[in-house]
């Protein structure tokens, strides 16, 4: 999967799309969230690749802000096959500012 392909400040993946099975179109940590989600959805659609979402969390309260619903049973091989077929639905929202600030404050507190 190509993570956050249009978010230039998050080191975008290689544009060699032949190596990807899906494109992460919804990344909860991207700012501005709706702009990068829109651009990434257009990018994935233009390539005809399945779309996924993820929270890109590094702080527990951020987990699940964005995610992927996959239409498959819980078997790993079936999940991978469903993603490759595009049986995916990116869901969620950007990480709220209050949570982002909490992460920043925690990071500063740890440095002191």
C-alpha atoms as a PDB file:
ATOM      1  CA  UNK A   1       0.000   0.000   0.000  1.00  0.00           C
ATOM      2  CA  UNK A   2       1.230   3.481  -0.821  1.00  0.00           C
ATOM      3  CA  UNK A   3       0.924   5.608   2.337  1.00  0.00           C
ATOM      4  CA  UNK A   4      -0.191   9.266   2.098  1.00  0.00           C
ATOM      5  CA  UNK A   5       0.881   9.777  -1.555  1.00  0.00           C
ATOM      6  CA  UNK A   6      -0.120  13.436  -1.838  1.00  0.00           C
ATOM      7  CA  UNK A   7       1.037  14.657   1.581  1.00  0.00           C
ATOM      8  CA  UNK A   8       4.356  16.115   0.479  1.00  0.00           C
ATOM      9  CA  UNK A   9       5.612  16.821   4.020  1.00  0.00           C
ATOM     10  CA  UNK A  10       5.194  13.190   5.105  1.00  0.00           C
ATOM     11  CA  UNK A  11       7.738  11.765   2.626  1.00  0.00           C
ATOM     12  CA  UNK A  12       5.411  10.452  -0.080  1.00  0.00           C
ATOM     13  CA  UNK A  13       5.968   6.984  -1.506  1.00  0.00           C
ATOM     14  CA  UNK A  14       7.549   6.226  -4.823  1.00  0.00           C
ATOM     15  CA  UNK A  15       5.376   7.136  -7.787  1.00  0.00           C
ATOM     16  CA  UNK A  16       6.190   3.724  -9.290  1.00  0.00           C
ATOM     17  CA  UNK A  17       2.628   2.551  -8.791  1.00  0.00           C
ATOM     18  CA  UNK A  18       3.194  -0.886 -10.254  1.00  0.00           C
ATOM     19  CA  UNK A  19       4.521  -1.943  -6.856  1.00  0.00           C
ATOM     20  CA  UNK A  20       1.331  -1.027  -4.945  1.00  0.00           C
ATOM     21  CA  UNK A  21      -1.910  -2.952  -4.450  1.00  0.00           C
ATOM     22  CA  UNK A  22      -3.765   0.011  -2.896  1.00  0.00           C
ATOM     23  CA  UNK A  23      -3.403   3.703  -2.081  1.00  0.00           C
ATOM     24  CA  UNK A  24      -3.954   5.199   1.363  1.00  0.00           C
ATOM     25  CA  UNK A  25      -6.350   8.010   0.531  1.00  0.00           C
ATOM     26  CA  UNK A  26      -7.380   8.923   4.063  1.00  0.00           C
ATOM     27  CA  UNK A  27      -4.643   9.620   6.602  1.00  0.00           C
ATOM     28  CA  UNK A  28      -5.953  11.037   9.879  1.00  0.00           C
ATOM     29  CA  UNK A  29      -2.734  12.882  10.659  1.00  0.00           C
ATOM     30  CA  UNK A  30      -2.640  14.827   7.357  1.00  0.00           C
ATOM     31  CA  UNK A  31      -3.249  18.574   7.598  1.00  0.00           C
ATOM     32  CA  UNK A  32      -5.441  19.839   5.995  1.00  0.00           C
ATOM     33  CA  UNK A  33      -7.233  16.498   6.193  1.00  0.00           C
ATOM     34  CA  UNK A  34     -10.027  17.078   3.663  1.00  0.00           C
ATOM     35  CA  UNK A  35      -7.720  18.572   1.032  1.00  0.00           C
ATOM     36  CA  UNK A  36      -5.242  15.691   1.147  1.00  0.00           C
ATOM     37  CA  UNK A  37      -8.057  13.123   1.275  1.00  0.00           C
ATOM     38  CA  UNK A  38      -9.588  14.642  -1.868  1.00  0.00           C
ATOM     39  CA  UNK A  39      -6.246  14.759  -3.714  1.00  0.00           C
ATOM     40  CA  UNK A  40      -5.360  11.199  -2.701  1.00  0.00           C
ATOM     41  CA  UNK A  41      -8.762   9.855  -3.776  1.00  0.00           C
ATOM     42  CA  UNK A  42      -8.314  11.469  -7.180  1.00  0.00           C
ATOM     43  CA  UNK A  43      -4.789  10.036  -7.429  1.00  0.00           C
ATOM     44  CA  UNK A  44      -5.980   6.500  -6.583  1.00  0.00           C
ATOM     45  CA  UNK A  45      -8.992   6.728  -8.898  1.00  0.00           C
ATOM     46  CA  UNK A  46      -6.780   7.911 -11.744  1.00  0.00           C
ATOM     47  CA  UNK A  47      -4.588   4.857 -11.266  1.00  0.00           C
ATOM     48  CA  UNK A  48      -7.532   2.511 -10.803  1.00  0.00           C
ATOM     49  CA  UNK A  49      -6.174   1.321  -7.447  1.00  0.00           C
ATOM     50  CA  UNK A  50      -8.162   0.392  -4.318  1.00  0.00           C
ATOM     51  CA  UNK A  51      -8.430   3.000  -1.572  1.00  0.00           C
ATOM     52  CA  UNK A  52      -7.654   2.619   2.135  1.00  0.00           C
ATOM     53  CA  UNK A  53      -7.591   4.786   5.255  1.00  0.00           C
ATOM     54  CA  UNK A  54      -5.473   4.831   8.390  1.00  0.00           C
ATOM     55  CA  UNK A  55      -4.951   6.846  11.544  1.00  0.00           C
ATOM     56  CA  UNK A  56      -1.137   6.951  11.265  1.00  0.00           C
ATOM     57  CA  UNK A  57      -1.195   7.160  15.048  1.00  0.00           C
ATOM     58  CA  UNK A  58       1.817   7.396  17.296  1.00  0.00           C
ATOM     59  CA  UNK A  59      -0.226   8.337  20.356  1.00  0.00           C
ATOM     60  CA  UNK A  60      -2.996   6.112  21.781  1.00  0.00           C
ATOM     61  CA  UNK A  61      -5.884   8.638  21.610  1.00  0.00           C
ATOM     62  CA  UNK A  62      -5.278   9.022  17.852  1.00  0.00           C
ATOM     63  CA  UNK A  63      -5.897   5.349  17.083  1.00  0.00           C
ATOM     64  CA  UNK A  64      -8.933   4.786  14.907  1.00  0.00           C
ATOM     65  CA  UNK A  65      -9.478   8.366  13.763  1.00  0.00           C
ATOM     66  CA  UNK A  66      -9.363   6.993  10.207  1.00  0.00           C
ATOM     67  CA  UNK A  67      -9.502   3.343   9.201  1.00  0.00           C
ATOM     68  CA  UNK A  68     -10.404   0.909   6.426  1.00  0.00           C
ATOM     69  CA  UNK A  69     -13.500  -1.266   6.317  1.00  0.00           C
ATOM     70  CA  UNK A  70     -12.704  -4.397   4.318  1.00  0.00           C
ATOM     71  CA  UNK A  71     -15.475  -6.644   3.001  1.00  0.00           C
ATOM     72  CA  UNK A  72     -13.952 -10.011   3.873  1.00  0.00           C
ATOM     73  CA  UNK A  73     -13.899 -12.719   6.483  1.00  0.00           C
ATOM     74  CA  UNK A  74     -11.216 -12.481   9.161  1.00  0.00           C
ATOM     75  CA  UNK A  75      -8.827 -14.806   7.313  1.00  0.00           C
ATOM     76  CA  UNK A  76      -5.631 -12.912   6.418  1.00  0.00           C
ATOM     77  CA  UNK A  77      -5.491 -14.241   2.858  1.00  0.00           C
ATOM     78  CA  UNK A  78      -9.125 -13.238   2.268  1.00  0.00           C
ATOM     79  CA  UNK A  79      -8.454  -9.746   3.625  1.00  0.00           C
ATOM     80  CA  UNK A  80      -5.446  -9.283   1.332  1.00  0.00           C
ATOM     81  CA  UNK A  81      -7.442 -10.554  -1.648  1.00  0.00           C
ATOM     82  CA  UNK A  82     -10.357  -8.204  -0.814  1.00  0.00           C
ATOM     83  CA  UNK A  83      -8.007  -5.213  -0.589  1.00  0.00           C
ATOM     84  CA  UNK A  84      -6.481  -6.060  -3.976  1.00  0.00           C
ATOM     85  CA  UNK A  85     -10.003  -6.350  -5.454  1.00  0.00           C
ATOM     86  CA  UNK A  86     -10.987  -2.973  -4.020  1.00  0.00           C
ATOM     87  CA  UNK A  87     -13.536  -4.232  -1.486  1.00  0.00           C
ATOM     88  CA  UNK A  88     -12.421  -1.434   0.825  1.00  0.00           C
ATOM     89  CA  UNK A  89     -14.017   1.678   2.261  1.00  0.00           C
ATOM     90  CA  UNK A  90     -11.813   4.389   3.823  1.00  0.00           C
ATOM     91  CA  UNK A  91     -13.633   5.881   6.821  1.00  0.00           C
ATOM     92  CA  UNK A  92     -13.057   8.441   9.553  1.00  0.00           C
ATOM     93  CA  UNK A  93     -11.810  11.968  10.090  1.00  0.00           C
ATOM     94  CA  UNK A  94      -8.698  13.930  10.823  1.00  0.00           C
ATOM     95  CA  UNK A  95      -7.212  13.808  14.305  1.00  0.00           C
ATOM     96  CA  UNK A  96      -8.911  16.532  16.391  1.00  0.00           C
ATOM     97  CA  UNK A  97      -6.744  19.502  17.364  1.00  0.00           C
ATOM     98  CA  UNK A  98      -7.290  18.872  21.076  1.00  0.00           C
ATOM     99  CA  UNK A  99      -5.728  15.412  20.722  1.00  0.00           C
ATOM    100  CA  UNK A 100      -2.884  16.741  18.545  1.00  0.00           C
ATOM    101  CA  UNK A 101      -2.098  19.352  21.197  1.00  0.00           C
ATOM    102  CA  UNK A 102      -2.207  16.676  23.911  1.00  0.00           C
ATOM    103  CA  UNK A 103       0.396  14.659  22.025  1.00  0.00           C
ATOM    104  CA  UNK A 104       2.585  17.731  21.636  1.00  0.00           C
ATOM    105  CA  UNK A 105       2.276  18.625  25.324  1.00  0.00           C
ATOM    106  CA  UNK A 106       3.161  15.051  26.307  1.00  0.00           C
ATOM    107  CA  UNK A 107       6.235  15.171  24.059  1.00  0.00           C
ATOM    108  CA  UNK A 108       7.381  18.438  25.607  1.00  0.00           C
ATOM    109  CA  UNK A 109       6.795  17.105  29.120  1.00  0.00           C
ATOM    110  CA  UNK A 110       8.975  14.065  28.379  1.00  0.00           C
ATOM    111  CA  UNK A 111      11.861  16.302  27.241  1.00  0.00           C
ATOM    112  CA  UNK A 112      11.879  18.287  30.476  1.00  0.00           C
END
